[in-house]
PDB file of N, CA and C in Angstrom:
ATOM      1  N   UNK A   1       0.855  -1.175   0.000  1.00  0.00           N
ATOM      2  CA  UNK A   1       0.000   0.000   0.000  1.00  0.00           C
ATOM      3  C   UNK A   1       0.899   1.234   0.000  1.00  0.00           C
ATOM      4  N   UNK A   2       0.639   2.137  -0.930  1.00  0.00           N
ATOM      5  CA  UNK A   2       1.452   3.350  -0.977  1.00  0.00           C
ATOM      6  C   UNK A   2       0.857   4.430  -0.074  1.00  0.00           C
ATOM      7  N   UNK A   3       1.575   5.527   0.059  1.00  0.00           N
ATOM      8  CA  UNK A   3       1.199   6.589   0.994  1.00  0.00           C
ATOM      9  C   UNK A   3      -0.150   7.233   0.647  1.00  0.00           C
ATOM     10  N   UNK A   4      -0.391   7.478  -0.633  1.00  0.00           N
ATOM     11  CA  UNK A   4      -1.668   8.094  -1.025  1.00  0.00           C
ATOM     12  C   UNK A   4      -2.818   7.156  -0.683  1.00  0.00           C
ATOM     13  N   UNK A   5      -2.684   5.884  -1.037  1.00  0.00           N
ATOM     14  CA  UNK A   5      -3.740   4.918  -0.722  1.00  0.00           C
ATOM     15  C   UNK A   5      -3.980   4.855   0.786  1.00  0.00           C
ATOM     16  N   UNK A   6      -2.914   4.840   1.540  1.00  0.00           N
ATOM     17  CA  UNK A   6      -3.025   4.782   2.998  1.00  0.00           C
ATOM     18  C   UNK A   6      -3.786   5.989   3.542  1.00  0.00           C
ATOM     19  N   UNK A   7      -3.455   7.174   3.041  1.00  0.00           N
ATOM     20  CA  UNK A   7      -4.131   8.396   3.495  1.00  0.00           C
ATOM     21  C   UNK A   7      -5.600   8.402   3.078  1.00  0.00           C
ATOM     22  N   UNK A   8      -5.886   7.965   1.848  1.00  0.00           N
ATOM     23  CA  UNK A   8      -7.274   7.920   1.369  1.00  0.00           C
ATOM     24  C   UNK A   8      -8.087   6.955   2.232  1.00  0.00           C
ATOM     25  N   UNK A   9      -7.548   5.778   2.481  1.00  0.00           N
ATOM     26  CA  UNK A   9      -8.249   4.806   3.335  1.00  0.00           C
ATOM     27  C   UNK A   9      -8.511   5.392   4.725  1.00  0.00           C
ATOM     28  N   UNK A  10      -7.542   6.082   5.280  1.00  0.00           N
ATOM     29  CA  UNK A  10      -7.689   6.669   6.615  1.00  0.00           C
ATOM     30  C   UNK A  10      -8.788   7.734   6.613  1.00  0.00           C
ATOM     31  N   UNK A  11      -8.775   8.601   5.607  1.00  0.00           N
ATOM     32  CA  UNK A  11      -9.796   9.652   5.509  1.00  0.00           C
ATOM     33  C   UNK A  11     -11.179   9.039   5.378  1.00  0.00           C
ATOM     34  N   UNK A  12     -11.318   8.021   4.534  1.00  0.00           N
ATOM     35  CA  UNK A  12     -12.625   7.378   4.367  1.00  0.00           C
ATOM     36  C   UNK A  12     -13.048   6.700   5.668  1.00  0.00           C
ATOM     37  N   UNK A  13     -12.116   6.026   6.313  1.00  0.00           N
ATOM     38  CA  UNK A  13     -12.425   5.340   7.583  1.00  0.00           C
ATOM     39  C   UNK A  13     -12.916   6.311   8.642  1.00  0.00           C
ATOM     40  N   UNK A  14     -12.266   7.458   8.728  1.00  0.00           N
ATOM     41  CA  UNK A  14     -12.586   8.412   9.781  1.00  0.00           C
ATOM     42  C   UNK A  14     -13.785   9.292   9.470  1.00  0.00           C
ATOM     43  N   UNK A  15     -14.138   9.435   8.193  1.00  0.00           N
ATOM     44  CA  UNK A  15     -15.171  10.405   7.816  1.00  0.00           C
ATOM     45  C   UNK A  15     -16.287   9.854   6.947  1.00  0.00           C
ATOM     46  N   UNK A  16     -16.213   8.601   6.561  1.00  0.00           N
ATOM     47  CA  UNK A  16     -17.205   8.047   5.651  1.00  0.00           C
ATOM     48  C   UNK A  16     -18.430   7.453   6.298  1.00  0.00           C
ATOM     49  N   UNK A  17     -18.448   7.401   7.636  1.00  0.00           N
ATOM     50  CA  UNK A  17     -19.594   6.842   8.358  1.00  0.00           C
ATOM     51  C   UNK A  17     -19.936   5.430   7.892  1.00  0.00           C
ATOM     52  N   UNK A  18     -18.899   4.635   7.643  1.00  0.00           N
ATOM     53  CA  UNK A  18     -19.093   3.248   7.219  1.00  0.00           C
ATOM     54  C   UNK A  18     -18.728   2.314   8.363  1.00  0.00           C
ATOM     55  N   UNK A  19     -19.440   1.221   8.462  1.00  0.00           N
ATOM     56  CA  UNK A  19     -19.164   0.245   9.512  1.00  0.00           C
ATOM     57  C   UNK A  19     -18.423  -0.954   8.937  1.00  0.00           C
ATOM     58  N   UNK A  20     -17.283  -0.675   8.288  1.00  0.00           N
ATOM     59  CA  UNK A  20     -16.476  -1.737   7.712  1.00  0.00           C
ATOM     60  C   UNK A  20     -15.010  -1.455   7.991  1.00  0.00           C
ATOM     61  N   UNK A  21     -14.213  -2.490   7.880  1.00  0.00           N
ATOM     62  CA  UNK A  21     -12.769  -2.342   7.998  1.00  0.00           C
ATOM     63  C   UNK A  21     -12.228  -2.115   6.591  1.00  0.00           C
ATOM     64  N   UNK A  22     -11.848  -0.886   6.291  1.00  0.00           N
ATOM     65  CA  UNK A  22     -11.396  -0.553   4.935  1.00  0.00           C
ATOM     66  C   UNK A  22     -10.105  -1.265   4.548  1.00  0.00           C
ATOM     67  N   UNK A  23      -9.377  -1.772   5.506  1.00  0.00           N
ATOM     68  CA  UNK A  23      -8.147  -2.506   5.184  1.00  0.00           C
ATOM     69  C   UNK A  23      -8.459  -3.772   4.409  1.00  0.00           C
ATOM     70  N   UNK A  24      -9.687  -4.282   4.559  1.00  0.00           N
ATOM     71  CA  UNK A  24     -10.060  -5.518   3.876  1.00  0.00           C
ATOM     72  C   UNK A  24     -10.788  -5.262   2.557  1.00  0.00           C
ATOM     73  N   UNK A  25     -11.039  -4.009   2.232  1.00  0.00           N
ATOM     74  CA  UNK A  25     -11.777  -3.650   1.022  1.00  0.00           C
ATOM     75  C   UNK A  25     -10.818  -3.510  -0.151  1.00  0.00           C
ATOM     76  N   UNK A  26     -11.151  -4.176  -1.249  1.00  0.00           N
ATOM     77  CA  UNK A  26     -10.353  -4.092  -2.466  1.00  0.00           C
ATOM     78  C   UNK A  26     -10.375  -2.666  -3.007  1.00  0.00           C
ATOM     79  N   UNK A  27      -9.275  -2.272  -3.640  1.00  0.00           N
ATOM     80  CA  UNK A  27      -9.159  -0.914  -4.187  1.00  0.00           C
ATOM     81  C   UNK A  27     -10.277  -0.550  -5.154  1.00  0.00           C
ATOM     82  N   UNK A  28     -10.775  -1.522  -5.899  1.00  0.00           N
ATOM     83  CA  UNK A  28     -11.759  -1.240  -6.948  1.00  0.00           C
ATOM     84  C   UNK A  28     -13.203  -1.459  -6.514  1.00  0.00           C
ATOM     85  N   UNK A  29     -13.412  -1.846  -5.279  1.00  0.00           N
ATOM     86  CA  UNK A  29     -14.765  -2.078  -4.786  1.00  0.00           C
ATOM     87  C   UNK A  29     -15.549  -0.776  -4.742  1.00  0.00           C
ATOM     88  N   UNK A  30     -16.775  -0.825  -5.252  1.00  0.00           N
ATOM     89  CA  UNK A  30     -17.664   0.336  -5.238  1.00  0.00           C
ATOM     90  C   UNK A  30     -18.080   0.602  -3.793  1.00  0.00           C
ATOM     91  N   UNK A  31     -17.685   1.736  -3.269  1.00  0.00           N
ATOM     92  CA  UNK A  31     -17.936   2.057  -1.867  1.00  0.00           C
ATOM     93  C   UNK A  31     -19.412   2.303  -1.566  1.00  0.00           C
ATOM     94  N   UNK A  32     -20.212   2.548  -2.595  1.00  0.00           N
ATOM     95  CA  UNK A  32     -21.640   2.752  -2.352  1.00  0.00           C
ATOM     96  C   UNK A  32     -22.297   1.467  -1.855  1.00  0.00           C
ATOM     97  N   UNK A  33     -21.706   0.318  -2.143  1.00  0.00           N
ATOM     98  CA  UNK A  33     -22.295  -0.930  -1.654  1.00  0.00           C
ATOM     99  C   UNK A  33     -22.172  -1.069  -0.135  1.00  0.00           C
ATOM    100  N   UNK A  34     -21.355  -0.225   0.483  1.00  0.00           N
ATOM    101  CA  UNK A  34     -21.228  -0.207   1.935  1.00  0.00           C
ATOM    102  C   UNK A  34     -22.016   0.944   2.552  1.00  0.00           C
ATOM    103  N   UNK A  35     -22.804   1.625   1.727  1.00  0.00           N
ATOM    104  CA  UNK A  35     -23.660   2.686   2.237  1.00  0.00           C
ATOM    105  C   UNK A  35     -23.129   4.098   2.057  1.00  0.00           C
ATOM    106  N   UNK A  36     -22.006   4.247   1.367  1.00  0.00           N
ATOM    107  CA  UNK A  36     -21.476   5.593   1.147  1.00  0.00           C
ATOM    108  C   UNK A  36     -22.313   6.282   0.080  1.00  0.00           C
ATOM    109  N   UNK A  37     -22.865   7.441   0.421  1.00  0.00           N
ATOM    110  CA  UNK A  37     -23.717   8.182  -0.506  1.00  0.00           C
ATOM    111  C   UNK A  37     -23.031   9.476  -0.936  1.00  0.00           C
ATOM    112  N   UNK A  38     -23.744  10.293  -1.703  1.00  0.00           N
ATOM    113  CA  UNK A  38     -23.134  11.521  -2.222  1.00  0.00           C
ATOM    114  C   UNK A  38     -22.745  12.480  -1.092  1.00  0.00           C
ATOM    115  N   UNK A  39     -23.525  12.519  -0.021  1.00  0.00           N
ATOM    116  CA  UNK A  39     -23.158  13.358   1.117  1.00  0.00           C
ATOM    117  C   UNK A  39     -21.852  12.863   1.736  1.00  0.00           C
ATOM    118  N   UNK A  40     -21.730  11.565   1.893  1.00  0.00           N
ATOM    119  CA  UNK A  40     -20.515  10.984   2.449  1.00  0.00           C
ATOM    120  C   UNK A  40     -19.305  11.243   1.578  1.00  0.00           C
ATOM    121  N   UNK A  41     -19.489  11.090   0.259  1.00  0.00           N
ATOM    122  CA  UNK A  41     -18.389  11.371  -0.662  1.00  0.00           C
ATOM    123  C   UNK A  41     -17.972  12.834  -0.587  1.00  0.00           C
ATOM    124  N   UNK A  42     -18.945  13.717  -0.517  1.00  0.00           N
ATOM    125  CA  UNK A  42     -18.633  15.152  -0.422  1.00  0.00           C
ATOM    126  C   UNK A  42     -17.826  15.437   0.835  1.00  0.00           C
ATOM    127  N   UNK A  43     -18.248  14.858   1.936  1.00  0.00           N
ATOM    128  CA  UNK A  43     -17.540  15.033   3.202  1.00  0.00           C
ATOM    129  C   UNK A  43     -16.097  14.510   3.103  1.00  0.00           C
ATOM    130  N   UNK A  44     -15.932  13.343   2.516  1.00  0.00           N
ATOM    131  CA  UNK A  44     -14.602  12.749   2.345  1.00  0.00           C
ATOM    132  C   UNK A  44     -13.730  13.628   1.453  1.00  0.00           C
ATOM    133  N   UNK A  45     -14.305  14.126   0.376  1.00  0.00           N
ATOM    134  CA  UNK A  45     -13.524  14.926  -0.570  1.00  0.00           C
ATOM    135  C   UNK A  45     -13.047  16.237   0.051  1.00  0.00           C
ATOM    136  N   UNK A  46     -13.800  16.783   0.971  1.00  0.00           N
ATOM    137  CA  UNK A  46     -13.347  17.992   1.685  1.00  0.00           C
ATOM    138  C   UNK A  46     -12.068  17.680   2.455  1.00  0.00           C
ATOM    139  N   UNK A  47     -12.055  16.560   3.137  1.00  0.00           N
ATOM    140  CA  UNK A  47     -10.858  16.165   3.892  1.00  0.00           C
ATOM    141  C   UNK A  47      -9.693  15.822   2.962  1.00  0.00           C
ATOM    142  N   UNK A  48     -10.002  15.232   1.809  1.00  0.00           N
ATOM    143  CA  UNK A  48      -8.949  14.921   0.831  1.00  0.00           C
ATOM    144  C   UNK A  48      -8.345  16.201   0.282  1.00  0.00           C
ATOM    145  N   UNK A  49      -9.194  17.182  -0.022  1.00  0.00           N
ATOM    146  CA  UNK A  49      -8.683  18.480  -0.494  1.00  0.00           C
ATOM    147  C   UNK A  49      -7.739  19.092   0.532  1.00  0.00           C
ATOM    148  N   UNK A  50      -8.117  19.031   1.793  1.00  0.00           N
ATOM    149  CA  UNK A  50      -7.277  19.599   2.850  1.00  0.00           C
ATOM    150  C   UNK A  50      -5.971  18.822   2.997  1.00  0.00           C
ATOM    151  N   UNK A  51      -6.058  17.505   3.000  1.00  0.00           N
ATOM    152  CA  UNK A  51      -4.878  16.673   3.217  1.00  0.00           C
ATOM    153  C   UNK A  51      -3.852  16.815   2.094  1.00  0.00           C
ATOM    154  N   UNK A  52      -4.340  16.824   0.843  1.00  0.00           N
ATOM    155  CA  UNK A  52      -3.439  16.827  -0.306  1.00  0.00           C
ATOM    156  C   UNK A  52      -3.250  18.209  -0.921  1.00  0.00           C
ATOM    157  N   UNK A  53      -3.901  19.218  -0.344  1.00  0.00           N
ATOM    158  CA  UNK A  53      -3.773  20.603  -0.830  1.00  0.00           C
ATOM    159  C   UNK A  53      -4.135  20.699  -2.317  1.00  0.00           C
ATOM    160  N   UNK A  54      -5.296  20.120  -2.651  1.00  0.00           N
ATOM    161  CA  UNK A  54      -5.785  20.155  -4.031  1.00  0.00           C
ATOM    162  C   UNK A  54      -7.227  20.659  -4.022  1.00  0.00           C
ATOM    163  N   UNK A  55      -7.731  20.994  -5.205  1.00  0.00           N
ATOM    164  CA  UNK A  55      -9.134  21.376  -5.356  1.00  0.00           C
ATOM    165  C   UNK A  55      -9.820  20.332  -6.224  1.00  0.00           C
ATOM    166  N   UNK A  56     -10.992  19.899  -5.790  1.00  0.00           N
ATOM    167  CA  UNK A  56     -11.772  18.923  -6.550  1.00  0.00           C
ATOM    168  C   UNK A  56     -13.100  19.567  -6.906  1.00  0.00           C
ATOM    169  N   UNK A  57     -13.373  19.694  -8.198  1.00  0.00           N
ATOM    170  CA  UNK A  57     -14.644  20.263  -8.642  1.00  0.00           C
ATOM    171  C   UNK A  57     -15.792  19.326  -8.280  1.00  0.00           C
ATOM    172  N   UNK A  58     -16.880  19.906  -7.841  1.00  0.00           N
ATOM    173  CA  UNK A  58     -18.038  19.132  -7.389  1.00  0.00           C
ATOM    174  C   UNK A  58     -18.612  18.232  -8.477  1.00  0.00           C
ATOM    175  N   UNK A  59     -18.507  18.643  -9.723  1.00  0.00           N
ATOM    176  CA  UNK A  59     -19.122  17.858 -10.793  1.00  0.00           C
ATOM    177  C   UNK A  59     -18.426  16.518 -11.039  1.00  0.00           C
ATOM    178  N   UNK A  60     -17.234  16.320 -10.523  1.00  0.00           N
ATOM    179  CA  UNK A  60     -16.565  15.032 -10.748  1.00  0.00           C
ATOM    180  C   UNK A  60     -16.711  14.071  -9.572  1.00  0.00           C
ATOM    181  N   UNK A  61     -17.479  14.461  -8.571  1.00  0.00           N
ATOM    182  CA  UNK A  61     -17.700  13.562  -7.434  1.00  0.00           C
ATOM    183  C   UNK A  61     -18.266  12.230  -7.918  1.00  0.00           C
ATOM    184  N   UNK A  62     -19.132  12.262  -8.907  1.00  0.00           N
ATOM    185  CA  UNK A  62     -19.746  11.029  -9.406  1.00  0.00           C
ATOM    186  C   UNK A  62     -18.720  10.050  -9.962  1.00  0.00           C
ATOM    187  N   UNK A  63     -17.535  10.531 -10.304  1.00  0.00           N
ATOM    188  CA  UNK A  63     -16.485   9.668 -10.829  1.00  0.00           C
ATOM    189  C   UNK A  63     -15.723   8.923  -9.738  1.00  0.00           C
ATOM    190  N   UNK A  64     -15.958   9.292  -8.490  1.00  0.00           N
ATOM    191  CA  UNK A  64     -15.246   8.670  -7.375  1.00  0.00           C
ATOM    192  C   UNK A  64     -16.141   7.640  -6.700  1.00  0.00           C
ATOM    193  N   UNK A  65     -15.983   6.396  -7.077  1.00  0.00           N
ATOM    194  CA  UNK A  65     -16.806   5.360  -6.463  1.00  0.00           C
ATOM    195  C   UNK A  65     -15.975   4.307  -5.735  1.00  0.00           C
ATOM    196  N   UNK A  66     -14.655   4.449  -5.808  1.00  0.00           N
ATOM    197  CA  UNK A  66     -13.781   3.460  -5.177  1.00  0.00           C
ATOM    198  C   UNK A  66     -12.517   4.142  -4.653  1.00  0.00           C
ATOM    199  N   UNK A  67     -11.787   3.401  -3.859  1.00  0.00           N
ATOM    200  CA  UNK A  67     -10.522   3.924  -3.337  1.00  0.00           C
ATOM    201  C   UNK A  67      -9.573   4.215  -4.485  1.00  0.00           C
ATOM    202  N   UNK A  68      -9.500   3.313  -5.451  1.00  0.00           N
ATOM    203  CA  UNK A  68      -8.560   3.490  -6.563  1.00  0.00           C
ATOM    204  C   UNK A  68      -8.923   4.695  -7.431  1.00  0.00           C
ATOM    205  N   UNK A  69     -10.210   4.975  -7.620  1.00  0.00           N
ATOM    206  CA  UNK A  69     -10.582   6.139  -8.437  1.00  0.00           C
ATOM    207  C   UNK A  69     -10.156   7.440  -7.762  1.00  0.00           C
ATOM    208  N   UNK A  70     -10.293   7.497  -6.452  1.00  0.00           N
ATOM    209  CA  UNK A  70      -9.853   8.682  -5.704  1.00  0.00           C
ATOM    210  C   UNK A  70      -8.334   8.785  -5.734  1.00  0.00           C
ATOM    211  N   UNK A  71      -7.670   7.680  -5.483  1.00  0.00           N
ATOM    212  CA  UNK A  71      -6.200   7.631  -5.475  1.00  0.00           C
ATOM    213  C   UNK A  71      -5.632   8.052  -6.832  1.00  0.00           C
ATOM    214  N   UNK A  72      -6.190   7.527  -7.914  1.00  0.00           N
ATOM    215  CA  UNK A  72      -5.697   7.864  -9.258  1.00  0.00           C
ATOM    216  C   UNK A  72      -5.879   9.340  -9.573  1.00  0.00           C
ATOM    217  N   UNK A  73      -6.992   9.912  -9.146  1.00  0.00           N
ATOM    218  CA  UNK A  73      -7.229  11.334  -9.379  1.00  0.00           C
ATOM    219  C   UNK A  73      -6.194  12.176  -8.631  1.00  0.00           C
ATOM    220  N   UNK A  74      -5.932  11.828  -7.377  1.00  0.00           N
ATOM    221  CA  UNK A  74      -4.942  12.575  -6.590  1.00  0.00           C
ATOM    222  C   UNK A  74      -3.576  12.493  -7.258  1.00  0.00           C
ATOM    223  N   UNK A  75      -3.183  11.309  -7.704  1.00  0.00           N
ATOM    224  CA  UNK A  75      -1.891  11.148  -8.367  1.00  0.00           C
ATOM    225  C   UNK A  75      -1.824  11.984  -9.644  1.00  0.00           C
ATOM    226  N   UNK A  76      -2.918  12.016 -10.391  1.00  0.00           N
ATOM    227  CA  UNK A  76      -2.976  12.802 -11.623  1.00  0.00           C
ATOM    228  C   UNK A  76      -2.782  14.292 -11.326  1.00  0.00           C
ATOM    229  N   UNK A  77      -3.488  14.791 -10.335  1.00  0.00           N
ATOM    230  CA  UNK A  77      -3.390  16.210  -9.970  1.00  0.00           C
ATOM    231  C   UNK A  77      -2.011  16.550  -9.420  1.00  0.00           C
ATOM    232  N   UNK A  78      -1.501  15.695  -8.544  1.00  0.00           N
ATOM    233  CA  UNK A  78      -0.200  15.966  -7.920  1.00  0.00           C
ATOM    234  C   UNK A  78       0.950  15.903  -8.925  1.00  0.00           C
ATOM    235  N   UNK A  79       0.782  15.131 -10.003  1.00  0.00           N
ATOM    236  CA  UNK A  79       1.834  14.993 -11.007  1.00  0.00           C
ATOM    237  C   UNK A  79       1.679  15.959 -12.171  1.00  0.00           C
ATOM    238  N   UNK A  80       0.614  16.748 -12.142  1.00  0.00           N
ATOM    239  CA  UNK A  80       0.354  17.682 -13.255  1.00  0.00           C
ATOM    240  C   UNK A  80       1.270  18.876 -13.175  1.00  0.00           C
TER     241      UNK A  80
END
């Protein structure tokens, strides 16, 4: 697990209001199947913006349905 993935998992664990152990969740698993909704994603993305010092436009929230989708976006922005 790399540092970005670790931070994303921690943010989701602490702010996603999910009753699961994210360490056991596959990177590509759709987080909505665990009850994460658009409000939860919005809340998580606020913490991700703060942690990684990036801006995420609200219209792309729908593209974030898994840990890997969030992680890949952060890597893309940080490497731009």
